[in-house]
Every structure is written in structure tokens, then in C-alpha cells.
Protein backbone atom coordinates (compact mmCIF):
# COMPACT_ATOMS: atom_id res chain seq x y z
CA MET A 1 148.93 -99.30 -19.19
CA PRO A 2 148.48 -95.77 -18.33
CA ASN A 3 147.01 -94.72 -15.08
CA HIS A 4 143.60 -92.75 -15.75
CA PRO A 5 141.43 -91.36 -13.02
CA ASN A 6 138.00 -92.88 -12.43
CA LEU A 7 135.15 -91.42 -14.62
CA GLY A 8 132.81 -91.28 -11.60
CA SER A 9 135.23 -89.13 -9.68
CA PRO A 10 134.08 -85.52 -9.15
CA HIS A 11 137.50 -84.37 -10.24
CA HIS A 12 137.16 -85.93 -13.64
CA PRO A 13 136.78 -83.29 -16.37
CA ILE A 14 133.92 -85.10 -18.15
CA PHE A 15 131.97 -85.38 -14.93
CA GLN A 16 132.42 -81.69 -14.19
CA TRP A 17 131.24 -80.78 -17.76
CA LYS A 18 128.06 -82.86 -17.39
CA LEU A 19 127.43 -81.32 -13.99
CA PHE A 20 127.72 -77.81 -15.52
CA GLN A 21 125.29 -78.70 -18.32
CA SER A 22 122.77 -80.04 -15.79
CA PHE A 23 123.03 -76.85 -13.75
CA MET A 24 122.45 -74.66 -16.79
CA ARG A 25 119.45 -76.79 -17.85
CA GLN A 26 117.84 -76.43 -14.42
CA ASN A 27 118.50 -72.70 -14.47
CA ARG A 28 116.78 -72.35 -17.86
CA GLU A 29 113.73 -74.34 -16.69
CA LEU A 30 113.42 -72.21 -13.56
CA HIS A 31 113.56 -69.01 -15.66
CA CYS A 32 110.90 -70.29 -18.03
CA SER A 33 108.56 -71.25 -15.18
CA ASN A 34 108.91 -67.76 -13.65
CA ALA A 35 108.15 -66.15 -16.99
CA LEU A 36 104.94 -68.21 -17.38
CA ASN A 37 103.72 -67.40 -13.87
CA THR A 38 104.41 -63.64 -14.18
CA PRO A 39 101.59 -61.62 -16.06
CA LYS A 40 102.61 -59.98 -19.30
CA GLN A 41 103.12 -56.24 -19.23
CA THR A 42 100.91 -54.43 -21.79
CA LYS A 43 102.08 -51.80 -24.16
CA SER A 44 100.10 -49.11 -22.43
CA SER A 45 101.43 -50.01 -19.01
CA ARG A 46 104.96 -50.00 -20.37
CA GLU A 47 104.27 -46.61 -21.88
CA ALA A 48 102.76 -45.39 -18.64
CA SER A 49 105.72 -46.59 -16.68
CA SER A 50 108.16 -45.11 -19.17
CA PRO A 51 109.49 -41.57 -18.69
CA PHE A 52 108.03 -40.54 -22.08
CA ALA A 53 104.42 -41.33 -21.08
CA GLU A 54 103.41 -37.66 -20.61
CA LEU A 55 105.02 -36.67 -23.91
CA LEU A 56 103.12 -39.42 -25.75
CA THR A 57 99.85 -38.30 -24.18
CA ARG A 58 100.41 -34.73 -25.34
CA ARG A 59 101.21 -35.90 -28.84
CA ARG A 60 98.02 -37.96 -28.96
CA GLY A 61 95.94 -34.97 -27.70
CA CYS A 62 97.42 -32.78 -30.43
CA THR A 63 96.60 -35.45 -33.01
CA MET A 64 92.95 -35.62 -31.86
CA ALA A 65 92.73 -31.80 -31.82
CA ASP A 66 94.14 -31.68 -35.34
CA ARG A 67 91.55 -34.23 -36.45
CA SER A 68 88.71 -32.23 -34.77
CA LEU A 69 89.91 -28.97 -36.34
CA THR A 70 90.00 -30.62 -39.74
CA GLU A 71 86.43 -31.82 -39.39
CA THR A 72 85.33 -28.35 -38.19
CA LEU A 73 86.99 -26.68 -41.16
CA SER A 74 85.29 -29.15 -43.49
CA GLU A 75 81.90 -28.41 -41.95
CA TRP A 76 82.58 -24.66 -42.16
CA ASN A 77 83.39 -24.98 -45.87
CA ASP A 78 80.11 -26.87 -46.43
CA LEU A 79 78.27 -24.17 -44.50
CA GLN A 80 79.90 -21.48 -46.61
CA LYS A 81 78.69 -23.18 -49.78
CA GLY A 82 75.13 -23.33 -48.37
CA ASN A 83 75.36 -19.69 -47.27
CA GLU A 84 76.24 -18.61 -50.80
CA GLY A 85 73.02 -20.23 -52.05
CA LEU A 86 71.08 -18.62 -49.21
CA GLN A 87 72.47 -15.20 -50.08
CA GLN A 88 71.38 -15.63 -53.69
CA VAL A 89 67.85 -16.68 -52.69
CA PHE A 90 67.62 -13.79 -50.20
CA GLN A 91 68.77 -11.28 -52.80
CA LYS A 92 66.13 -12.60 -55.21
CA TYR A 93 63.56 -12.24 -52.42
CA LEU A 94 64.57 -8.59 -51.90
CA ASP A 95 64.31 -7.93 -55.63
CA ASP A 96 60.84 -9.53 -55.70
CA LEU A 97 59.79 -7.40 -52.75
CA GLN A 98 60.91 -4.25 -54.52
CA THR A 99 59.09 -5.31 -57.69
CA THR A 100 55.96 -6.17 -55.69
CA SER A 101 56.05 -2.80 -53.94
CA TYR A 102 56.29 -1.04 -57.28
CA LYS A 103 53.39 -3.05 -58.70
CA GLN A 104 51.28 -2.37 -55.59
CA SER A 105 51.78 1.38 -56.00
CA GLU A 106 50.94 1.19 -59.69
CA ILE A 107 47.77 -0.85 -59.13
CA SER A 108 46.64 1.44 -56.29
CA SER A 109 46.99 4.47 -58.57
CA ASN A 110 44.99 2.77 -61.33
CA ILE A 111 42.25 1.75 -58.90
CA ALA A 112 41.98 5.31 -57.54
CA ARG A 113 41.74 6.62 -61.09
CA GLN A 114 38.97 4.14 -61.94
CA HIS A 115 37.09 5.07 -58.75
CA ARG A 116 37.07 8.70 -59.85
CA HIS A 117 35.84 7.80 -63.33
CA LEU A 118 33.09 5.59 -61.89
CA ALA A 119 31.99 8.40 -59.58
CA ASP A 120 31.77 10.77 -62.56
CA LEU A 121 29.74 8.24 -64.53
CA ALA A 122 27.37 7.64 -61.63
CA LYS A 123 26.91 11.39 -61.23
CA SER A 124 26.09 11.71 -64.94
CA LEU A 125 23.59 8.87 -64.73
CA ARG A 126 21.60 10.69 -62.07
CA LYS A 127 20.78 13.36 -64.63
CA CYS A 128 19.60 10.83 -67.20
CA GLU A 129 16.17 9.32 -67.52
CA HIS A 130 15.44 5.98 -65.85
CA THR A 131 15.61 3.91 -68.99
CA PRO A 132 16.46 0.19 -69.01
CA GLU A 133 19.90 1.02 -70.46
CA ALA A 134 20.57 3.50 -67.65
CA VAL A 135 19.48 1.00 -65.01
CA ALA A 136 21.69 -1.72 -66.54
CA LEU A 137 24.64 0.67 -66.69
CA ARG A 138 24.11 1.67 -63.05
CA ILE A 139 24.19 -1.99 -62.03
CA GLN A 140 27.40 -2.54 -64.00
CA ILE A 141 29.02 0.49 -62.37
CA GLN A 142 28.10 -0.84 -58.94
CA GLN A 143 29.54 -4.26 -59.81
CA ARG A 144 32.76 -2.69 -61.06
CA ASP A 145 33.02 -0.61 -57.90
CA ASN A 146 32.63 -3.76 -55.78
CA GLU A 147 35.35 -5.49 -57.81
CA LEU A 148 37.72 -2.58 -57.29
CA ARG A 149 37.05 -2.58 -53.55
CA GLU A 150 37.78 -6.28 -53.38
CA MET A 151 41.06 -5.69 -55.20
CA GLU A 152 41.91 -2.95 -52.70
CA GLY A 153 41.60 -5.52 -49.93
CA PHE A 154 44.83 -7.16 -51.15
CA LEU A 155 46.82 -3.94 -51.37
CA PRO A 156 48.54 -2.07 -48.51
CA LYS A 157 46.56 0.90 -47.27
CA PRO A 158 47.09 3.55 -44.61
CA SER A 159 46.05 2.32 -41.19
CA GLY A 160 43.80 5.28 -40.52
CA LYS A 161 43.84 7.72 -37.63
CA TYR A 162 42.48 5.33 -34.98
CA LEU A 163 44.80 2.40 -35.75
CA SER A 164 47.76 4.77 -36.13
CA LEU A 165 46.98 6.20 -32.71
CA VAL A 166 46.67 2.77 -31.08
CA LEU A 167 49.21 0.66 -33.00
CA GLY A 168 51.44 3.27 -34.59
CA ASN A 169 52.43 3.34 -38.25
CA LEU A 170 51.98 -0.40 -38.69
CA ASN A 171 50.89 -2.19 -41.86
CA VAL A 172 48.01 -4.51 -40.87
CA THR A 173 46.98 -5.54 -44.39
CA LEU A 174 46.51 -9.29 -44.83
CA PHE A 175 47.54 -10.34 -48.35
CA SER A 176 45.90 -13.78 -48.64
CA LYS A 177 42.27 -14.87 -48.51
CA GLN A 178 43.12 -17.59 -46.00
CA ALA A 179 44.76 -15.10 -43.64
CA LYS A 180 41.79 -12.72 -43.91
CA PHE A 181 39.27 -15.49 -43.25
CA SER A 182 41.30 -16.89 -40.34
CA TYR A 183 41.44 -13.46 -38.73
CA LYS A 184 37.68 -13.04 -39.21
CA VAL A 185 37.01 -16.46 -37.58
CA GLU A 186 39.30 -15.56 -34.67
CA TYR A 187 37.37 -12.29 -34.27
CA GLU A 188 34.06 -14.17 -34.09
CA ASN A 189 35.45 -16.64 -31.54
CA PHE A 190 36.77 -13.77 -29.43
CA LYS A 191 33.31 -12.19 -29.35
CA LEU A 192 31.69 -15.49 -28.41
CA TYR A 193 34.12 -16.35 -25.57
CA LEU A 194 34.00 -12.86 -24.06
CA THR A 195 30.21 -12.74 -24.30
CA CYS A 196 29.90 -16.02 -22.39
CA THR A 197 32.46 -14.84 -19.81
CA CYS A 198 30.63 -11.55 -19.24
CA PHE A 199 27.31 -13.38 -18.97
CA LEU A 200 28.57 -15.77 -16.27
CA LEU A 201 30.29 -13.00 -14.32
CA THR A 202 27.25 -10.73 -14.49
CA LEU A 203 24.95 -13.53 -13.41
CA ALA A 204 27.19 -14.30 -10.43
CA LEU A 205 27.21 -10.63 -9.42
CA ARG A 206 23.44 -10.46 -9.75
CA LEU A 207 22.80 -13.50 -7.56
CA TRP A 208 25.55 -13.65 -4.96
CA ASN A 209 27.67 -10.52 -4.78
CA SER A 210 27.11 -6.86 -4.01
CA TYR A 211 30.70 -5.60 -3.66
CA LYS A 212 31.80 -2.64 -5.75
CA THR A 213 35.26 -4.19 -6.23
CA ILE A 214 33.84 -7.12 -8.18
CA ASP A 215 31.57 -4.75 -10.11
CA THR A 216 34.70 -2.82 -11.08
CA LEU A 217 36.20 -6.05 -12.45
CA LEU A 218 33.15 -6.55 -14.68
CA ASN A 219 33.23 -2.96 -15.93
CA PHE A 220 36.95 -3.14 -16.60
CA LEU A 221 36.39 -6.35 -18.58
CA LEU A 222 33.68 -4.64 -20.63
CA VAL A 223 35.90 -1.62 -21.34
CA TRP A 224 38.72 -3.90 -22.52
CA TYR A 225 36.27 -5.99 -24.57
CA TYR A 226 34.79 -3.05 -26.47
CA CYS A 227 38.19 -1.42 -26.98
CA THR A 228 39.52 -4.64 -28.46
CA LEU A 229 36.46 -4.95 -30.69
CA THR A 230 37.03 -1.48 -32.14
CA ILE A 231 40.65 -2.32 -32.97
CA ARG A 232 39.81 -5.69 -34.54
CA GLU A 233 36.91 -4.26 -36.52
CA SER A 234 39.12 -1.46 -37.85
CA ILE A 235 41.60 -4.08 -39.06
CA LEU A 236 38.77 -6.04 -40.71
CA VAL A 237 37.45 -2.91 -42.43
CA LEU A 238 40.96 -2.11 -43.66
CA ASN A 239 41.16 -5.61 -45.17
CA GLY A 240 37.87 -5.35 -47.04
CA SER A 241 35.15 -6.22 -44.53
CA ARG A 242 31.97 -4.25 -45.21
CA ILE A 243 30.87 -3.41 -41.66
CA LYS A 244 28.16 -0.78 -41.52
CA GLY A 245 29.32 2.51 -40.04
CA TRP A 246 26.85 2.62 -37.18
CA TRP A 247 27.81 -0.79 -35.77
CA VAL A 248 31.44 0.31 -35.57
CA THR A 249 30.41 3.62 -33.97
CA HIS A 250 28.17 1.66 -31.61
CA HIS A 251 31.21 -0.04 -30.07
CA TYR A 252 33.04 3.27 -29.61
CA ILE A 253 30.02 4.62 -27.72
CA SER A 254 29.78 1.41 -25.67
CA THR A 255 33.45 1.77 -24.73
CA PHE A 256 32.79 5.28 -23.47
CA LEU A 257 29.67 4.16 -21.58
CA THR A 258 31.38 1.30 -19.75
CA GLY A 259 34.31 3.60 -18.97
CA VAL A 260 31.95 6.07 -17.29
CA MET A 261 30.34 3.21 -15.39
CA LEU A 262 33.81 2.14 -14.24
CA THR A 263 34.46 5.55 -12.68
CA TRP A 264 31.10 5.74 -10.88
CA PRO A 265 31.78 5.59 -7.10
CA ASP A 266 29.88 3.32 -4.72
CA SER A 267 27.10 5.72 -3.77
CA ILE A 268 23.37 5.51 -3.10
CA MET A 269 22.61 6.34 -6.72
CA TYR A 270 25.00 3.64 -7.91
CA GLN A 271 23.35 0.99 -5.75
CA LYS A 272 19.94 2.16 -6.93
CA PHE A 273 20.83 1.61 -10.60
CA ARG A 274 23.09 -1.41 -10.08
CA LEU A 275 20.52 -4.22 -10.34
CA GLN A 276 18.88 -2.70 -13.40
CA TYR A 277 22.29 -2.38 -15.04
CA LEU A 278 23.22 -6.01 -14.28
CA ASP A 279 19.88 -7.24 -15.62
CA PHE A 280 20.46 -5.28 -18.80
CA CYS A 281 23.96 -6.77 -19.19
CA ILE A 282 22.56 -10.29 -18.75
CA TYR A 283 19.89 -9.67 -21.39
CA LEU A 284 22.42 -8.09 -23.76
CA SER A 285 24.75 -11.09 -23.44
CA LEU A 286 21.89 -13.47 -24.24
CA VAL A 287 20.90 -11.42 -27.29
CA GLN A 288 24.48 -11.32 -28.55
CA PHE A 289 24.78 -15.09 -28.14
CA LEU A 290 21.54 -15.68 -30.06
CA GLN A 291 22.68 -13.34 -32.82
CA TYR A 292 26.04 -15.06 -33.10
CA TYR A 293 24.44 -18.51 -33.22
CA TYR A 294 21.88 -17.73 -35.92
CA GLN A 295 23.88 -15.16 -37.90
CA SER A 296 26.94 -17.40 -38.20
CA GLY A 297 24.82 -20.23 -39.58
CA SER A 298 23.08 -17.91 -42.02
CA LEU A 299 26.39 -16.39 -43.16
CA TYR A 300 27.85 -19.84 -43.76
CA ARG A 301 24.88 -20.77 -45.96
CA LEU A 302 24.97 -17.48 -47.89
CA ARG A 303 28.74 -17.72 -48.44
CA ALA A 304 28.27 -21.23 -49.85
CA LEU A 305 25.69 -19.82 -52.27
CA GLY A 306 28.03 -16.97 -53.25
CA GLN A 307 25.68 -14.30 -51.87
CA ARG A 308 27.94 -13.05 -49.08
CA ARG A 309 31.64 -12.34 -48.81
CA SER A 310 34.06 -14.29 -46.64
CA LEU A 311 34.79 -11.26 -44.43
CA ASP A 312 31.16 -10.49 -43.52
CA ILE A 313 30.76 -10.73 -39.73
CA THR A 314 27.99 -11.05 -37.19
CA VAL A 315 26.72 -7.76 -35.77
CA GLU A 316 24.73 -6.69 -32.74
CA GLY A 317 21.81 -5.52 -34.83
CA PHE A 318 19.83 -6.27 -37.97
CA GLN A 319 21.08 -6.01 -41.55
CA SER A 320 19.48 -6.56 -44.93
CA TRP A 321 20.96 -10.03 -45.46
CA MET A 322 19.20 -11.25 -42.29
CA TRP A 323 15.76 -10.73 -43.83
CA ARG A 324 15.54 -14.36 -44.89
CA GLY A 325 15.35 -16.61 -41.87
CA LEU A 326 16.32 -14.19 -39.08
CA THR A 327 13.28 -11.89 -38.81
CA PHE A 328 12.29 -13.68 -35.59
CA LEU A 329 15.16 -11.80 -33.92
CA LEU A 330 13.50 -8.43 -34.52
CA PRO A 331 11.26 -8.49 -31.41
CA VAL A 332 14.26 -9.41 -29.27
CA LEU A 333 16.29 -6.56 -30.76
CA PHE A 334 13.53 -3.98 -30.40
CA PHE A 335 13.01 -4.98 -26.77
CA GLY A 336 16.73 -4.38 -26.12
CA HIS A 337 16.57 -1.01 -27.85
CA PHE A 338 13.67 0.13 -25.71
CA TRP A 339 15.47 -1.13 -22.61
CA GLN A 340 18.25 1.31 -23.48
CA LEU A 341 15.62 4.06 -23.62
CA TYR A 342 14.31 2.92 -20.23
CA ASN A 343 17.86 3.13 -18.80
CA ALA A 344 18.20 6.67 -20.17
CA ILE A 345 14.91 7.76 -18.55
CA THR A 346 15.78 6.10 -15.23
CA LEU A 347 19.19 7.78 -15.09
CA TYR A 348 17.68 11.15 -15.99
CA GLU A 349 15.22 10.86 -13.10
CA MET A 350 18.07 9.88 -10.78
CA ALA A 351 20.08 12.89 -11.92
CA CYS A 352 17.18 15.17 -11.11
CA GLU A 353 16.77 13.46 -7.75
CA CYS A 354 20.40 13.86 -6.67
CA GLY A 355 20.61 17.43 -7.92
CA TRP A 356 23.10 16.60 -10.72
CA GLN A 357 25.86 16.09 -8.13
CA GLU A 358 27.27 12.89 -9.70
CA TRP A 359 28.29 13.64 -13.27
CA GLN A 360 28.25 9.96 -14.23
CA VAL A 361 24.43 9.85 -13.96
CA PRO A 362 23.49 12.46 -16.63
CA VAL A 363 26.38 11.42 -18.90
CA GLN A 364 25.20 7.81 -18.91
CA SER A 365 21.61 8.93 -19.44
CA PHE A 366 22.59 10.84 -22.58
CA THR A 367 24.78 7.93 -23.80
CA TYR A 368 21.96 5.39 -23.42
CA LEU A 369 19.65 7.74 -25.29
CA LEU A 370 22.19 8.06 -28.09
CA LEU A 371 22.53 4.27 -28.32
CA PHE A 372 18.74 3.89 -28.48
CA VAL A 373 18.36 6.44 -31.26
CA GLY A 374 21.17 4.92 -33.33
CA ASN A 375 20.17 1.28 -32.87
CA PHE A 376 16.45 1.85 -33.32
CA SER A 377 16.78 4.10 -36.37
CA THR A 378 19.29 1.77 -38.09
CA THR A 379 17.18 -1.34 -37.53
CA LEU A 380 13.99 0.47 -38.54
CA ARG A 381 15.61 1.81 -41.73
CA VAL A 382 16.72 -1.68 -42.79
CA LEU A 383 13.24 -3.04 -42.03
CA LEU A 384 11.46 -0.35 -44.05
CA GLN A 385 13.89 -0.80 -46.94
CA LYS A 386 13.22 -4.54 -47.15
CA LEU A 387 9.46 -3.99 -46.96
CA ARG A 388 9.69 -1.43 -49.76
CA GLU A 389 11.68 -3.84 -51.93
CA LYS A 390 9.17 -6.58 -51.24
CA ARG A 391 6.25 -4.37 -52.32
CA GLN A 392 8.09 -3.41 -55.52
CA LYS A 393 8.60 -7.07 -56.40
CA ILE A 394 4.93 -7.81 -55.82
CA SER A 395 3.81 -4.85 -57.93
């Protein structure tokens, strides 16, 4: 029987093989347990730890830039398509403007020609007898003349010497009825707000203050107020408002008067006339407020009835359309007119007293006299005209 070594001996080959397998199994288990306990490394961390991390980042930035440039180019192409449509619309707008300008010139020439023909017809009618046909024709000529003037309100016109001097060669024509009416309403509101402001300031000066510096502020405000009124009224007249000539001239004279008052130094004569001047300003502000309140309501009613135009404004006097419902203002107006005459007389006496040394005194005296004559004669002429028409209707 052959002699074999013991299987349990460490020198036996089978025992050594089993021992090697056990060692390898333990080694694999230890490796697996270490892999489970160690956190997994992400792709980004591996990329960050790799030597090509910076190169990858640059490539990604270029990719994003390429995508942004593509989107920008796409938006630019869309904008180009929209700009082509805009250019077409703008070119059509320029063509329409040129056509409108040509039509405006043509219509203006035709209106001027019709005005001349109407003037010739009216001149011929004066030589004819006052027959019913002649009277009817005269009324029709007047109506046609009013229609032509209303058409002229929607056509560009020269600004006139005064507006050209103040604003330059600027076209101030308003081409829509809504724009004209809005400007007229803004003009009325401007007059109302400034009248209330001047009234409060004058009342404060009359009661609590006697400093020439504050008086200068009031006079400067009045100069600016009347200057602005002349500009706004010129724009309204240019756009078809029928403001009587004297009431526009009245504001030019008032601008000059307040300007002279502004330059009057603080002297004995100034202090002597100061309280009378402030009282007159307070009364004038109250009269203007009453006229605005009642005239605006009357104009609104007459416009609704179709008897007045949308650009008719309130004035600081009396006009023919005020005969119905506003005659109670006549005593107030006449009292203000005679106060102007009283100011002229007072200043003339002061000029004689001071020996005509202060030029502001006689200049203001003459200006107040001029205002009295213009206001009184205009109001009296309207009053006599309405009374004459009333007697003709009765007879």
C-alpha cells in the first residue's frame, strides 16, 4: 500500500489549494466592502479632476455662444422683415403728406378766389335797392363767407407777425376739431387758474404786506399772464376763433401797463397809488371770475343749440351773444370801466403834483385813459346795436 501524506497536513497540495481559494475569497469581499463604503465619483468631478477640464469648459462656452449668436441672428432677421414693412408704411405716409400738402395749397387758392368774388358781389349789392331778393342774397353771401372761414381753420396759414416774432416760423394750425376744442378749453382753464392766483396774491398784499419786492412779484406775474394770453389768443384766432379785435388789443395794452407798473420804483408817489391799484386788481379779478362763470355756462348752452361755434371764448367785456341772460353783468362792467377813468385822473393829478419827474405816472395815466375809452366805447356800441335790433323787431 503506498505511503500518502495526510490530507490535513499543511504540506498537502489539496490543502494549500483550498487555503489559496479562501484567501482570494476574503480579498474579494474586503474589496467589495471598501467599494460600497467609498462615495461614487460623479462625472463632473472626474472631469474637473481630469487635465482636460479647462478645455471642456472652453468648448462648452463656445457652444453656448454659438447658440446665443444663432438666436440673435434669428431675431435680427425677424426685425429686418418687420423693418421692411415699416419702410413701406413710412414711404406711403410721406406720399400722403405730399399729396395733402398739394391739396391744401389748391384749396387755399380756391378759397382766396371765392373770397374775392364774394367781396365783389357784396360791393355790387351796396349799389342795389334794398329789395327782398337783395337782402336774401346778402344773407347767403354772409353765410358762404362764414363757411369759407371755417374751412380756412383747417388749413395751414402764416403765423402772422406777432407769432413769428415770438415763436419763429412755426406752424401752429390745429387740423382736428377735437384738438382745437381741447386747446380752447385749456386756454379757459389757464385764465381761470391765473385769475384766482392773482386775486389771492393781491388780497394778501392788500391786507398783510407793504414790501415793494412782493409787489414786484405780483406785477411780474401779471406781465407774464397778459403776454401768455396774447400768444394763446393769436393761436386761437389763427385756428378760426372769432375774437373781436379790441379784446385782443386790450391784452396788449394791459401787458404794457403792467410792465410800466413793474418798473415803477418804490417812491412816495408809488406808495400813494399802491392801495388804489391793489383794490382795482382785486375788483378786476372778481369781475373776470364772474364773467368766466356765467359766460362759460351761456356758451355751453348756445353751442348745444348750434348758435355759437366751438372756438368762441369768454372775454373781459360784453358781446352781442351775451344779450340773453347776461345783461346783469353790464353794471359791473361799467363800474370797472369808470374805475379805469378814475385811475387815469388820479395818476394825472399825481404827475402834476410831482412835477412830471417820474415818467411812469403820466404814462400809466394815459394808458388807463386809453383802456377806458376802448372798453367803454366797445361795450356801449354792442349795447346800442342790440337795442336798435330790438326796436326793429318790435316795429
